Amino acid sequence: MVSTTYDVHGNLTEQVQANKVKESLSYFPVAGIAGECPPGPAGFVRTLREKTVTPAPDHEPGAPVLRPRHRYTLLSPLTGTPDEIYNGRNDCLVLTDETLYEVNGTQEQTLQHSAYLTCNDPDDPLLHGRRQQQAITLNGLTTTTDYAYEKLVSTFVGETVLKTIETLTGYDHGVDGKHTQKIVTLEHSLLHGEPRLTRDDNDVEIRYWYDALLRV
């Protein structure tokens, strides 16, 4: 059985899984918190601040209590949006940081930090609001993924697709800790959003075709 608890705003605040793992969630107030989250543009309490995952009471020894915590910033709407009519409520909150902690009582130890950059170009409907970069720091080393986007007509499937080029820069511990780089190209349909081109873990290209019911 799964047990859930909600606050007066309809936000999930606690969930206990059938295996007794408990998730406790908290949200930013409407006024936000300085340095962590601006005031909510629409005036709602709905932006996740942190989630604490607690192992089942009868868990194996050594199972940690984990707590990811988030930070956000405001992103303005596209140029031409009648923002002045809505008194700034067309702005949206975008994630900038996620820090994963191991919790021991009142003490928190940082395990991993993820930083995100979002494309901020209100004049470009294709790019504005898309992920620009992701940087994950673990054990003192940072792995970054840079994203580039292009709209084109795919000669394989005969429709307009969003081409995403992901450039991952990390470390190869087998070569004196030097930087290594991998480039992955993906395509998604701009008609229905489904993938048209992906790659598996062995870097094998997989192309997709769909019927009228969007079945592969």
N, C-alpha and C. Protein backbone atom coordinates (compact mmCIF):
# COMPACT_ATOMS: atom_id res chain seq x y z
N MET A 1 0.83 -1.18 0.00
CA MET A 1 0.00 0.00 0.00
C MET A 1 0.88 1.25 0.00
N VAL A 2 0.47 2.25 -0.77
CA VAL A 2 1.17 3.53 -0.82
C VAL A 2 0.35 4.57 -0.07
N SER A 3 1.01 5.31 0.84
CA SER A 3 0.34 6.33 1.63
C SER A 3 0.83 7.71 1.18
N THR A 4 -0.11 8.66 0.97
CA THR A 4 0.26 10.00 0.50
C THR A 4 -0.38 11.07 1.38
N THR A 5 0.31 12.21 1.51
CA THR A 5 -0.20 13.36 2.26
C THR A 5 0.01 14.61 1.42
N TYR A 6 -0.98 15.52 1.45
CA TYR A 6 -0.92 16.74 0.66
C TYR A 6 -1.11 17.96 1.56
N ASP A 7 -0.60 19.12 1.10
CA ASP A 7 -0.83 20.35 1.85
C ASP A 7 -2.11 21.03 1.34
N VAL A 8 -2.42 22.20 1.90
CA VAL A 8 -3.66 22.89 1.54
C VAL A 8 -3.63 23.42 0.11
N HIS A 9 -2.44 23.45 -0.50
CA HIS A 9 -2.33 23.92 -1.88
C HIS A 9 -2.43 22.77 -2.89
N GLY A 10 -2.57 21.56 -2.39
CA GLY A 10 -2.64 20.39 -3.27
C GLY A 10 -1.30 19.79 -3.62
N ASN A 11 -0.23 20.25 -2.97
CA ASN A 11 1.10 19.71 -3.23
C ASN A 11 1.35 18.45 -2.40
N LEU A 12 1.97 17.47 -3.03
CA LEU A 12 2.37 16.26 -2.31
C LEU A 12 3.46 16.60 -1.31
N THR A 13 3.25 16.28 -0.04
CA THR A 13 4.24 16.58 1.00
C THR A 13 4.88 15.32 1.58
N GLU A 14 4.21 14.20 1.48
CA GLU A 14 4.80 12.94 1.98
C GLU A 14 4.22 11.76 1.23
N GLN A 15 5.09 10.83 0.92
CA GLN A 15 4.65 9.59 0.28
C GLN A 15 5.45 8.43 0.86
N VAL A 16 4.75 7.44 1.35
CA VAL A 16 5.39 6.24 1.88
C VAL A 16 5.09 5.10 0.92
N GLN A 17 6.14 4.55 0.31
CA GLN A 17 5.98 3.49 -0.66
C GLN A 17 5.59 2.17 0.02
N ALA A 18 5.21 1.21 -0.81
CA ALA A 18 4.85 -0.10 -0.27
C ALA A 18 6.03 -0.76 0.43
N ASN A 19 7.24 -0.42 0.01
CA ASN A 19 8.44 -0.98 0.66
C ASN A 19 8.88 -0.16 1.87
N LYS A 20 8.04 0.82 2.29
CA LYS A 20 8.24 1.66 3.48
C LYS A 20 9.30 2.75 3.31
N VAL A 21 9.78 2.94 2.08
CA VAL A 21 10.66 4.09 1.83
C VAL A 21 9.81 5.35 1.85
N LYS A 22 10.25 6.37 2.60
CA LYS A 22 9.45 7.58 2.76
C LYS A 22 10.09 8.75 2.03
N GLU A 23 9.26 9.52 1.32
CA GLU A 23 9.68 10.74 0.64
C GLU A 23 8.95 11.92 1.27
N SER A 24 9.71 12.89 1.77
CA SER A 24 9.13 14.09 2.37
C SER A 24 9.52 15.28 1.51
N LEU A 25 8.53 16.07 1.07
CA LEU A 25 8.76 17.16 0.14
C LEU A 25 8.36 18.49 0.76
N SER A 26 9.14 19.53 0.46
CA SER A 26 8.79 20.88 0.91
C SER A 26 8.90 21.83 -0.27
N TYR A 27 8.16 22.94 -0.19
CA TYR A 27 8.03 23.86 -1.32
C TYR A 27 8.36 25.28 -0.90
N PHE A 28 8.77 26.09 -1.87
CA PHE A 28 9.06 27.49 -1.59
C PHE A 28 7.77 28.25 -1.35
N PRO A 29 7.78 29.21 -0.41
CA PRO A 29 6.60 30.06 -0.22
C PRO A 29 6.41 30.97 -1.43
N VAL A 30 5.25 31.59 -1.51
CA VAL A 30 4.95 32.50 -2.63
C VAL A 30 5.99 33.61 -2.72
N ALA A 31 6.44 34.11 -1.56
CA ALA A 31 7.42 35.19 -1.53
C ALA A 31 8.82 34.72 -1.90
N GLY A 32 9.03 33.40 -2.06
CA GLY A 32 10.34 32.88 -2.36
C GLY A 32 11.29 32.94 -1.18
N ILE A 33 12.54 32.60 -1.42
CA ILE A 33 13.60 32.69 -0.41
C ILE A 33 14.81 33.31 -1.09
N ALA A 34 15.32 34.40 -0.54
CA ALA A 34 16.43 35.13 -1.14
C ALA A 34 17.62 34.20 -1.38
N GLY A 35 18.16 34.26 -2.59
CA GLY A 35 19.31 33.43 -2.94
C GLY A 35 18.97 32.03 -3.39
N GLU A 36 17.71 31.63 -3.21
CA GLU A 36 17.31 30.29 -3.60
C GLU A 36 16.22 30.27 -4.66
N CYS A 37 15.23 31.17 -4.48
CA CYS A 37 14.09 31.16 -5.40
C CYS A 37 13.39 32.52 -5.36
N PRO A 38 13.17 33.15 -6.52
CA PRO A 38 12.42 34.42 -6.55
C PRO A 38 10.95 34.17 -6.19
N PRO A 39 10.21 35.23 -5.92
CA PRO A 39 8.77 35.06 -5.68
C PRO A 39 8.09 34.38 -6.86
N GLY A 40 7.11 33.54 -6.56
CA GLY A 40 6.40 32.83 -7.62
C GLY A 40 5.63 33.80 -8.50
N PRO A 41 5.87 33.80 -9.84
CA PRO A 41 5.24 34.78 -10.72
C PRO A 41 3.71 34.70 -10.71
N ALA A 42 3.17 33.50 -10.59
CA ALA A 42 1.71 33.33 -10.65
C ALA A 42 1.06 33.37 -9.28
N GLY A 43 1.86 33.49 -8.21
CA GLY A 43 1.29 33.59 -6.88
C GLY A 43 0.85 32.28 -6.27
N PHE A 44 1.46 31.16 -6.72
CA PHE A 44 1.09 29.85 -6.18
C PHE A 44 2.26 29.25 -5.39
N VAL A 45 1.92 28.42 -4.42
CA VAL A 45 2.93 27.60 -3.73
C VAL A 45 2.98 26.26 -4.48
N ARG A 46 4.03 26.08 -5.29
CA ARG A 46 4.11 24.86 -6.09
C ARG A 46 5.54 24.50 -6.50
N THR A 47 6.53 25.34 -6.14
CA THR A 47 7.91 25.11 -6.59
C THR A 47 8.66 24.29 -5.56
N LEU A 48 9.11 23.11 -5.97
CA LEU A 48 9.77 22.17 -5.05
C LEU A 48 11.10 22.73 -4.57
N ARG A 49 11.29 22.75 -3.24
CA ARG A 49 12.57 23.18 -2.65
C ARG A 49 13.48 21.99 -2.39
N GLU A 50 12.96 20.97 -1.70
CA GLU A 50 13.77 19.80 -1.41
C GLU A 50 12.89 18.57 -1.21
N LYS A 51 13.54 17.42 -1.37
CA LYS A 51 12.84 16.15 -1.13
C LYS A 51 13.78 15.24 -0.34
N THR A 52 13.32 14.79 0.82
CA THR A 52 14.13 13.93 1.66
C THR A 52 13.65 12.48 1.51
N VAL A 53 14.56 11.61 1.11
CA VAL A 53 14.23 10.19 0.91
C VAL A 53 14.83 9.40 2.07
N THR A 54 13.97 8.80 2.87
CA THR A 54 14.38 8.07 4.06
C THR A 54 14.19 6.57 3.84
N PRO A 55 15.21 5.75 4.07
CA PRO A 55 15.07 4.30 3.88
C PRO A 55 14.01 3.71 4.81
N ALA A 56 13.56 2.52 4.46
CA ALA A 56 12.59 1.82 5.30
C ALA A 56 13.20 1.54 6.67
N PRO A 57 12.37 1.48 7.72
CA PRO A 57 12.90 1.24 9.08
C PRO A 57 13.73 -0.03 9.19
N ASP A 58 13.42 -1.02 8.38
CA ASP A 58 14.15 -2.29 8.45
C ASP A 58 15.17 -2.41 7.31
N HIS A 59 15.72 -1.26 6.87
CA HIS A 59 16.64 -1.26 5.74
C HIS A 59 17.97 -1.91 6.11
N GLU A 60 18.74 -2.21 5.05
CA GLU A 60 20.07 -2.77 5.26
C GLU A 60 20.96 -1.71 5.93
N PRO A 61 21.86 -2.10 6.80
CA PRO A 61 22.76 -1.14 7.45
C PRO A 61 23.55 -0.34 6.40
N GLY A 62 23.67 0.96 6.65
CA GLY A 62 24.43 1.81 5.74
C GLY A 62 23.60 2.53 4.69
N ALA A 63 22.32 2.21 4.58
CA ALA A 63 21.47 2.91 3.62
C ALA A 63 21.31 4.37 4.05
N PRO A 64 21.66 5.33 3.17
CA PRO A 64 21.69 6.73 3.60
C PRO A 64 20.33 7.42 3.45
N VAL A 65 20.16 8.51 4.19
CA VAL A 65 19.05 9.43 3.97
C VAL A 65 19.55 10.46 2.98
N LEU A 66 18.85 10.63 1.85
CA LEU A 66 19.29 11.52 0.78
C LEU A 66 18.34 12.70 0.64
N ARG A 67 18.91 13.86 0.31
CA ARG A 67 18.09 15.06 0.20
C ARG A 67 18.59 15.94 -0.96
N PRO A 68 17.93 15.91 -2.11
CA PRO A 68 18.24 16.89 -3.15
C PRO A 68 17.54 18.21 -2.86
N ARG A 69 18.28 19.32 -3.00
CA ARG A 69 17.72 20.65 -2.78
C ARG A 69 17.93 21.48 -4.05
N HIS A 70 16.93 22.32 -4.37
CA HIS A 70 16.93 23.02 -5.65
C HIS A 70 16.98 24.53 -5.48
N ARG A 71 17.51 25.20 -6.53
CA ARG A 71 17.47 26.65 -6.62
C ARG A 71 16.97 27.04 -8.01
N TYR A 72 16.32 28.21 -8.08
CA TYR A 72 15.68 28.63 -9.32
C TYR A 72 15.98 30.10 -9.62
N THR A 73 15.73 30.48 -10.87
CA THR A 73 15.77 31.88 -11.26
C THR A 73 14.59 32.15 -12.18
N LEU A 74 14.33 33.43 -12.45
CA LEU A 74 13.23 33.81 -13.32
C LEU A 74 13.69 33.88 -14.77
N LEU A 75 12.81 33.47 -15.66
CA LEU A 75 13.05 33.57 -17.10
C LEU A 75 11.90 34.36 -17.71
N SER A 76 12.25 35.40 -18.46
CA SER A 76 11.23 36.26 -19.05
C SER A 76 10.55 35.56 -20.22
N PRO A 77 9.35 36.02 -20.61
CA PRO A 77 8.63 35.38 -21.72
C PRO A 77 9.21 35.77 -23.07
N LEU A 78 8.74 35.11 -24.11
CA LEU A 78 9.15 35.45 -25.46
C LEU A 78 8.76 36.88 -25.81
N THR A 79 9.57 37.49 -26.66
CA THR A 79 9.25 38.82 -27.15
C THR A 79 7.91 38.80 -27.89
N GLY A 80 7.08 39.79 -27.59
CA GLY A 80 5.77 39.85 -28.22
C GLY A 80 4.67 39.32 -27.35
N THR A 81 5.02 38.61 -26.27
CA THR A 81 4.01 38.16 -25.33
C THR A 81 3.46 39.37 -24.57
N PRO A 82 2.15 39.52 -24.46
CA PRO A 82 1.58 40.70 -23.78
C PRO A 82 1.77 40.63 -22.28
N ASP A 83 3.07 40.63 -21.87
CA ASP A 83 3.39 40.45 -20.46
C ASP A 83 2.85 41.57 -19.59
N GLU A 84 2.84 42.81 -20.15
CA GLU A 84 2.41 43.92 -19.33
C GLU A 84 0.95 43.78 -18.91
N ILE A 85 0.16 43.05 -19.70
CA ILE A 85 -1.26 42.85 -19.36
C ILE A 85 -1.40 42.02 -18.10
N TYR A 86 -0.47 41.09 -17.92
CA TYR A 86 -0.55 40.15 -16.79
C TYR A 86 0.37 40.53 -15.65
N ASN A 87 0.93 41.75 -15.70
CA ASN A 87 1.72 42.27 -14.58
C ASN A 87 2.89 41.36 -14.22
N GLY A 88 3.58 40.88 -15.26
CA GLY A 88 4.78 40.06 -15.03
C GLY A 88 4.52 38.60 -14.76
N ARG A 89 3.29 38.16 -14.78
CA ARG A 89 3.01 36.77 -14.42
C ARG A 89 3.31 35.79 -15.55
N ASN A 90 3.78 36.28 -16.69
CA ASN A 90 4.20 35.38 -17.76
C ASN A 90 5.64 34.91 -17.57
N ASP A 91 6.38 35.52 -16.63
CA ASP A 91 7.70 34.99 -16.29
C ASP A 91 7.53 33.58 -15.74
N CYS A 92 8.60 32.79 -15.83
CA CYS A 92 8.53 31.43 -15.28
C CYS A 92 9.81 31.16 -14.49
N LEU A 93 9.74 30.18 -13.60
CA LEU A 93 10.88 29.78 -12.81
C LEU A 93 11.60 28.63 -13.50
N VAL A 94 12.92 28.73 -13.61
CA VAL A 94 13.72 27.65 -14.21
C VAL A 94 14.77 27.21 -13.20
N LEU A 95 15.09 25.93 -13.23
CA LEU A 95 16.04 25.33 -12.31
C LEU A 95 17.46 25.77 -12.65
N THR A 96 18.22 26.22 -11.65
CA THR A 96 19.62 26.59 -11.85
C THR A 96 20.59 25.65 -11.14
N ASP A 97 20.19 25.10 -9.99
CA ASP A 97 21.09 24.25 -9.21
C ASP A 97 20.30 23.13 -8.54
N GLU A 98 20.96 21.97 -8.43
CA GLU A 98 20.43 20.88 -7.61
C GLU A 98 21.60 20.28 -6.85
N THR A 99 21.53 20.31 -5.53
CA THR A 99 22.59 19.77 -4.69
C THR A 99 22.06 18.56 -3.94
N LEU A 100 22.77 17.45 -4.06
CA LEU A 100 22.38 16.21 -3.38
C LEU A 100 23.18 16.07 -2.10
N TYR A 101 22.45 15.94 -0.97
CA TYR A 101 23.08 15.79 0.34
C TYR A 101 22.80 14.40 0.91
N GLU A 102 23.76 13.93 1.72
CA GLU A 102 23.50 12.80 2.61
C GLU A 102 23.25 13.38 3.99
N VAL A 103 22.13 12.98 4.59
CA VAL A 103 21.69 13.58 5.84
C VAL A 103 21.96 12.63 7.00
N ASN A 104 22.58 13.19 8.04
CA ASN A 104 22.83 12.42 9.26
C ASN A 104 22.41 13.29 10.44
N GLY A 105 21.17 13.09 10.91
CA GLY A 105 20.63 13.94 11.95
C GLY A 105 20.40 15.34 11.42
N THR A 106 21.09 16.33 12.01
CA THR A 106 20.98 17.70 11.55
C THR A 106 22.13 18.08 10.61
N GLN A 107 23.02 17.13 10.35
CA GLN A 107 24.18 17.40 9.50
C GLN A 107 23.89 16.97 8.05
N GLU A 108 24.42 17.79 7.12
CA GLU A 108 24.29 17.48 5.70
C GLU A 108 25.68 17.44 5.06
N GLN A 109 25.93 16.39 4.30
CA GLN A 109 27.19 16.27 3.57
C GLN A 109 26.89 16.28 2.08
N THR A 110 27.56 17.17 1.35
CA THR A 110 27.32 17.29 -0.09
C THR A 110 27.90 16.10 -0.83
N LEU A 111 27.07 15.45 -1.63
CA LEU A 111 27.52 14.33 -2.45
C LEU A 111 27.73 14.73 -3.90
N GLN A 112 26.83 15.55 -4.42
CA GLN A 112 26.89 15.91 -5.85
C GLN A 112 26.21 17.26 -6.06
N HIS A 113 26.74 18.03 -6.98
CA HIS A 113 26.14 19.32 -7.32
C HIS A 113 25.94 19.40 -8.82
N SER A 114 24.73 19.78 -9.24
CA SER A 114 24.40 19.93 -10.65
C SER A 114 24.00 21.38 -10.90
N ALA A 115 24.62 22.01 -11.88
CA ALA A 115 24.30 23.38 -12.25
C ALA A 115 23.76 23.40 -13.68
N TYR A 116 22.74 24.21 -13.91
CA TYR A 116 22.06 24.23 -15.21
C TYR A 116 22.01 25.65 -15.75
N LEU A 117 22.31 25.78 -17.05
CA LEU A 117 22.12 27.03 -17.76
C LEU A 117 20.97 26.85 -18.75
N THR A 118 20.11 27.86 -18.82
CA THR A 118 18.95 27.82 -19.72
C THR A 118 19.11 28.91 -20.77
N CYS A 119 18.81 28.57 -22.02
CA CYS A 119 18.87 29.56 -23.10
C CYS A 119 17.93 30.73 -22.77
N ASN A 120 18.48 31.93 -22.78
CA ASN A 120 17.70 33.12 -22.47
C ASN A 120 17.75 34.06 -23.67
N ASP A 121 16.95 33.78 -24.67
CA ASP A 121 16.90 34.58 -25.89
C ASP A 121 15.44 34.78 -26.26
N PRO A 122 14.78 35.77 -25.66
CA PRO A 122 13.34 35.96 -25.88
C PRO A 122 12.96 36.21 -27.33
N ASP A 123 13.94 36.55 -28.19
CA ASP A 123 13.65 36.79 -29.59
C ASP A 123 13.70 35.52 -30.43
N ASP A 124 14.08 34.40 -29.84
CA ASP A 124 14.23 33.14 -30.59
C ASP A 124 13.30 32.08 -29.99
N PRO A 125 12.14 31.85 -30.60
CA PRO A 125 11.18 30.87 -30.07
C PRO A 125 11.73 29.44 -30.04
N LEU A 126 12.69 29.14 -30.92
CA LEU A 126 13.24 27.78 -30.95
C LEU A 126 14.14 27.51 -29.76
N LEU A 127 14.94 28.50 -29.36
CA LEU A 127 15.95 28.28 -28.32
C LEU A 127 15.51 28.71 -26.93
N HIS A 128 14.68 29.73 -26.84
CA HIS A 128 14.37 30.32 -25.53
C HIS A 128 13.76 29.28 -24.58
N GLY A 129 14.39 29.14 -23.42
CA GLY A 129 13.89 28.22 -22.40
C GLY A 129 14.44 26.81 -22.49
N ARG A 130 15.22 26.51 -23.53
CA ARG A 130 15.80 25.17 -23.64
C ARG A 130 17.09 25.08 -22.82
N ARG A 131 17.44 23.86 -22.44
CA ARG A 131 18.67 23.63 -21.68
C ARG A 131 19.89 24.00 -22.53
N GLN A 132 20.78 24.82 -21.98
CA GLN A 132 21.99 25.24 -22.70
C GLN A 132 23.21 24.46 -22.22
N GLN A 133 23.29 24.24 -20.92
CA GLN A 133 24.43 23.50 -20.39
C GLN A 133 24.05 22.84 -19.07
N GLN A 134 24.67 21.69 -18.83
CA GLN A 134 24.53 20.98 -17.55
C GLN A 134 25.92 20.64 -17.06
N ALA A 135 26.21 20.98 -15.81
CA ALA A 135 27.53 20.69 -15.23
C ALA A 135 27.33 19.93 -13.92
N ILE A 136 27.84 18.71 -13.86
CA ILE A 136 27.69 17.86 -12.69
C ILE A 136 29.06 17.67 -12.03
N THR A 137 29.14 18.06 -10.74
CA THR A 137 30.39 17.94 -10.00
C THR A 137 30.27 16.81 -8.98
N LEU A 138 31.18 15.86 -9.07
CA LEU A 138 31.19 14.69 -8.19
C LEU A 138 32.64 14.37 -7.86
N ASN A 139 32.93 14.23 -6.57
CA ASN A 139 34.29 13.93 -6.12
C ASN A 139 35.30 14.95 -6.65
N GLY A 140 34.88 16.21 -6.73
CA GLY A 140 35.80 17.27 -7.13
C GLY A 140 35.99 17.40 -8.63
N LEU A 141 35.39 16.54 -9.43
CA LEU A 141 35.51 16.60 -10.88
C LEU A 141 34.18 17.00 -11.49
N THR A 142 34.22 17.85 -12.50
CA THR A 142 33.00 18.36 -13.13
C THR A 142 32.88 17.83 -14.56
N THR A 143 31.74 17.25 -14.86
CA THR A 143 31.42 16.80 -16.21
C THR A 143 30.35 17.73 -16.78
N THR A 144 30.61 18.30 -17.94
CA THR A 144 29.66 19.24 -18.54
C THR A 144 29.06 18.66 -19.81
N THR A 145 27.80 19.01 -20.05
CA THR A 145 27.13 18.68 -21.30
C THR A 145 26.59 19.98 -21.89
N ASP A 146 27.07 20.33 -23.10
CA ASP A 146 26.60 21.51 -23.80
C ASP A 146 25.61 21.08 -24.88
N TYR A 147 24.56 21.90 -25.06
CA TYR A 147 23.49 21.56 -25.99
C TYR A 147 23.42 22.59 -27.11
N ALA A 148 23.27 22.11 -28.34
CA ALA A 148 23.04 22.98 -29.50
C ALA A 148 21.82 22.44 -30.25
N TYR A 149 21.01 23.36 -30.80
CA TYR A 149 19.74 22.97 -31.41
C TYR A 149 19.64 23.52 -32.83
N GLU A 150 18.92 22.75 -33.65
CA GLU A 150 18.69 23.18 -35.04
C GLU A 150 17.37 22.59 -35.52
N LYS A 151 16.62 23.40 -36.23
CA LYS A 151 15.38 22.91 -36.84
C LYS A 151 15.66 22.61 -38.29
N LEU A 152 15.29 21.39 -38.71
CA LEU A 152 15.56 21.01 -40.10
C LEU A 152 14.55 19.98 -40.57
N VAL A 153 14.53 19.76 -41.88
CA VAL A 153 13.67 18.73 -42.47
C VAL A 153 14.48 17.46 -42.60
N SER A 154 14.08 16.41 -41.91
CA SER A 154 14.81 15.16 -41.93
C SER A 154 14.58 14.45 -43.26
N THR A 155 15.66 14.10 -43.95
CA THR A 155 15.54 13.37 -45.21
C THR A 155 15.12 11.92 -44.98
N PHE A 156 15.29 11.43 -43.75
CA PHE A 156 14.93 10.04 -43.45
C PHE A 156 13.44 9.87 -43.24
N VAL A 157 12.83 10.81 -42.51
CA VAL A 157 11.42 10.65 -42.14
C VAL A 157 10.51 11.64 -42.85
N GLY A 158 11.09 12.62 -43.56
CA GLY A 158 10.29 13.52 -44.36
C GLY A 158 9.43 14.49 -43.58
N GLU A 159 9.88 14.91 -42.40
CA GLU A 159 9.15 15.91 -41.63
C GLU A 159 10.14 16.77 -40.86
N THR A 160 9.65 17.89 -40.33
CA THR A 160 10.52 18.81 -39.61
C THR A 160 10.84 18.24 -38.22
N VAL A 161 12.12 18.29 -37.88
CA VAL A 161 12.56 17.74 -36.59
C VAL A 161 13.42 18.77 -35.87
N LEU A 162 13.54 18.59 -34.57
CA LEU A 162 14.47 19.35 -33.76
C LEU A 162 15.72 18.49 -33.58
N LYS A 163 16.82 18.96 -34.13
CA LYS A 163 18.09 18.26 -34.00
C LYS A 163 18.83 18.80 -32.78
N THR A 164 19.21 17.92 -31.87
CA THR A 164 19.93 18.30 -30.66
C THR A 164 21.31 17.67 -30.68
N ILE A 165 22.32 18.49 -30.53
CA ILE A 165 23.70 17.99 -30.46
C ILE A 165 24.19 18.16 -29.02
N GLU A 166 24.47 17.06 -28.36
CA GLU A 166 24.96 17.08 -26.98
C GLU A 166 26.46 16.81 -26.99
N THR A 167 27.22 17.76 -26.45
CA THR A 167 28.67 17.60 -26.35
C THR A 167 29.04 17.40 -24.90
N LEU A 168 29.43 16.18 -24.56
CA LEU A 168 29.76 15.83 -23.18
C LEU A 168 31.26 15.87 -22.99
N THR A 169 31.71 16.66 -22.02
CA THR A 169 33.13 16.77 -21.70
C THR A 169 33.34 16.29 -20.27
N GLY A 170 34.14 15.23 -20.14
CA GLY A 170 34.36 14.64 -18.82
C GLY A 170 35.80 14.24 -18.63
N TYR A 171 36.00 13.15 -17.88
CA TYR A 171 37.34 12.71 -17.53
C TYR A 171 37.48 11.23 -17.81
N ASP A 172 38.67 10.85 -18.29
CA ASP A 172 39.01 9.45 -18.48
C ASP A 172 40.08 9.11 -17.46
N HIS A 173 39.67 8.41 -16.40
CA HIS A 173 40.62 8.11 -15.32
C HIS A 173 41.73 7.17 -15.77
N GLY A 174 41.50 6.53 -16.92
CA GLY A 174 42.54 5.63 -17.41
C GLY A 174 43.62 6.34 -18.20
N VAL A 175 43.43 7.65 -18.49
CA VAL A 175 44.42 8.40 -19.27
C VAL A 175 44.83 9.63 -18.47
N ASP A 176 45.38 9.40 -17.29
CA ASP A 176 45.91 10.46 -16.43
C ASP A 176 44.88 11.52 -16.11
N GLY A 177 43.61 11.14 -16.02
CA GLY A 177 42.58 12.09 -15.64
C GLY A 177 42.34 13.20 -16.65
N LYS A 178 42.74 13.01 -17.91
CA LYS A 178 42.59 14.05 -18.92
C LYS A 178 41.13 14.15 -19.37
N HIS A 179 40.80 15.32 -19.93
CA HIS A 179 39.46 15.53 -20.45
C HIS A 179 39.20 14.61 -21.64
N THR A 180 38.00 14.10 -21.69
CA THR A 180 37.55 13.35 -22.85
C THR A 180 36.24 13.97 -23.32
N GLN A 181 35.89 13.73 -24.57
CA GLN A 181 34.71 14.37 -25.13
C GLN A 181 33.93 13.37 -25.99
N LYS A 182 32.61 13.48 -25.89
CA LYS A 182 31.73 12.64 -26.71
C LYS A 182 30.60 13.51 -27.24
N ILE A 183 30.28 13.34 -28.51
CA ILE A 183 29.23 14.12 -29.15
C ILE A 183 28.10 13.18 -29.57
N VAL A 184 26.88 13.51 -29.14
CA VAL A 184 25.70 12.68 -29.45
C VAL A 184 24.69 13.56 -30.18
N THR A 185 24.14 13.03 -31.28
CA THR A 185 23.13 13.75 -32.06
C THR A 185 21.78 13.05 -31.92
N LEU A 186 20.76 13.82 -31.58
CA LEU A 186 19.41 13.29 -31.40
C LEU A 186 18.45 14.09 -32.27
N GLU A 187 17.31 13.48 -32.63
CA GLU A 187 16.28 14.18 -33.37
C GLU A 187 14.91 13.85 -32.78
N HIS A 188 14.07 14.88 -32.63
CA HIS A 188 12.70 14.70 -32.16
C HIS A 188 11.75 15.40 -33.12
N SER A 189 10.61 14.77 -33.35
CA SER A 189 9.61 15.34 -34.25
C SER A 189 9.05 16.63 -33.66
N LEU A 190 8.93 17.66 -34.50
CA LEU A 190 8.27 18.90 -34.08
C LEU A 190 6.77 18.82 -34.33
N LEU A 191 6.32 17.71 -34.89
CA LEU A 191 4.89 17.51 -35.11
C LEU A 191 4.22 16.89 -33.89
N HIS A 192 4.85 15.86 -33.32
CA HIS A 192 4.25 15.16 -32.17
C HIS A 192 5.22 14.97 -31.01
N GLY A 193 6.47 15.39 -31.12
CA GLY A 193 7.41 15.35 -30.01
C GLY A 193 8.11 14.04 -29.78
N GLU A 194 7.74 12.99 -30.52
CA GLU A 194 8.35 11.68 -30.31
C GLU A 194 9.76 11.64 -30.92
N PRO A 195 10.64 10.76 -30.39
CA PRO A 195 12.00 10.67 -30.95
C PRO A 195 12.00 10.10 -32.36
N ARG A 196 12.86 10.68 -33.18
CA ARG A 196 13.07 10.18 -34.54
C ARG A 196 14.45 9.56 -34.69
N LEU A 197 15.37 9.99 -33.84
CA LEU A 197 16.73 9.45 -33.87
C LEU A 197 17.29 9.45 -32.46
N THR A 198 17.74 8.29 -32.01
CA THR A 198 18.41 8.17 -30.71
C THR A 198 19.64 7.28 -30.88
N ARG A 199 20.39 7.14 -29.78
CA ARG A 199 21.53 6.23 -29.76
C ARG A 199 21.49 5.42 -28.49
N ASP A 200 21.89 4.14 -28.58
CA ASP A 200 21.92 3.31 -27.38
C ASP A 200 23.28 3.39 -26.71
N ASP A 201 23.49 2.60 -25.66
CA ASP A 201 24.73 2.67 -24.89
C ASP A 201 25.95 2.24 -25.70
N ASN A 202 25.74 1.51 -26.79
CA ASN A 202 26.84 1.09 -27.65
C ASN A 202 27.04 2.03 -28.83
N ASP A 203 26.38 3.21 -28.77
CA ASP A 203 26.48 4.24 -29.80
C ASP A 203 25.89 3.78 -31.13
N VAL A 204 24.92 2.90 -31.07
CA VAL A 204 24.22 2.45 -32.28
C VAL A 204 23.06 3.39 -32.56
N GLU A 205 22.99 3.89 -33.80
CA GLU A 205 21.91 4.78 -34.20
C GLU A 205 20.60 4.02 -34.33
N ILE A 206 19.53 4.60 -33.77
CA ILE A 206 18.19 3.99 -33.87
C ILE A 206 17.25 5.05 -34.42
N ARG A 207 16.62 4.75 -35.57
CA ARG A 207 15.63 5.67 -36.15
C ARG A 207 14.24 5.08 -35.96
N TYR A 208 13.26 5.97 -35.81
CA TYR A 208 11.90 5.56 -35.49
C TYR A 208 10.92 6.07 -36.56
N TRP A 209 9.98 5.20 -36.91
CA TRP A 209 8.83 5.59 -37.73
C TRP A 209 7.56 5.22 -36.96
N TYR A 210 6.50 5.97 -37.18
CA TYR A 210 5.26 5.78 -36.43
C TYR A 210 4.07 5.69 -37.39
N ASP A 211 3.02 4.97 -36.93
CA ASP A 211 1.78 4.96 -37.70
C ASP A 211 0.89 6.13 -37.26
N ALA A 212 -0.34 6.16 -37.78
CA ALA A 212 -1.23 7.29 -37.50
C ALA A 212 -1.62 7.39 -36.03
N LEU A 213 -1.47 6.29 -35.26
CA LEU A 213 -1.77 6.28 -33.84
C LEU A 213 -0.50 6.46 -32.99
N LEU A 214 0.59 6.86 -33.63
CA LEU A 214 1.88 7.09 -32.98
C LEU A 214 2.44 5.81 -32.35
N ARG A 215 2.14 4.68 -32.97
CA ARG A 215 2.77 3.44 -32.55
C ARG A 215 4.05 3.27 -33.35
N VAL A 216 5.12 2.81 -32.67
CA VAL A 216 6.40 2.64 -33.37
C VAL A 216 6.27 1.55 -34.43
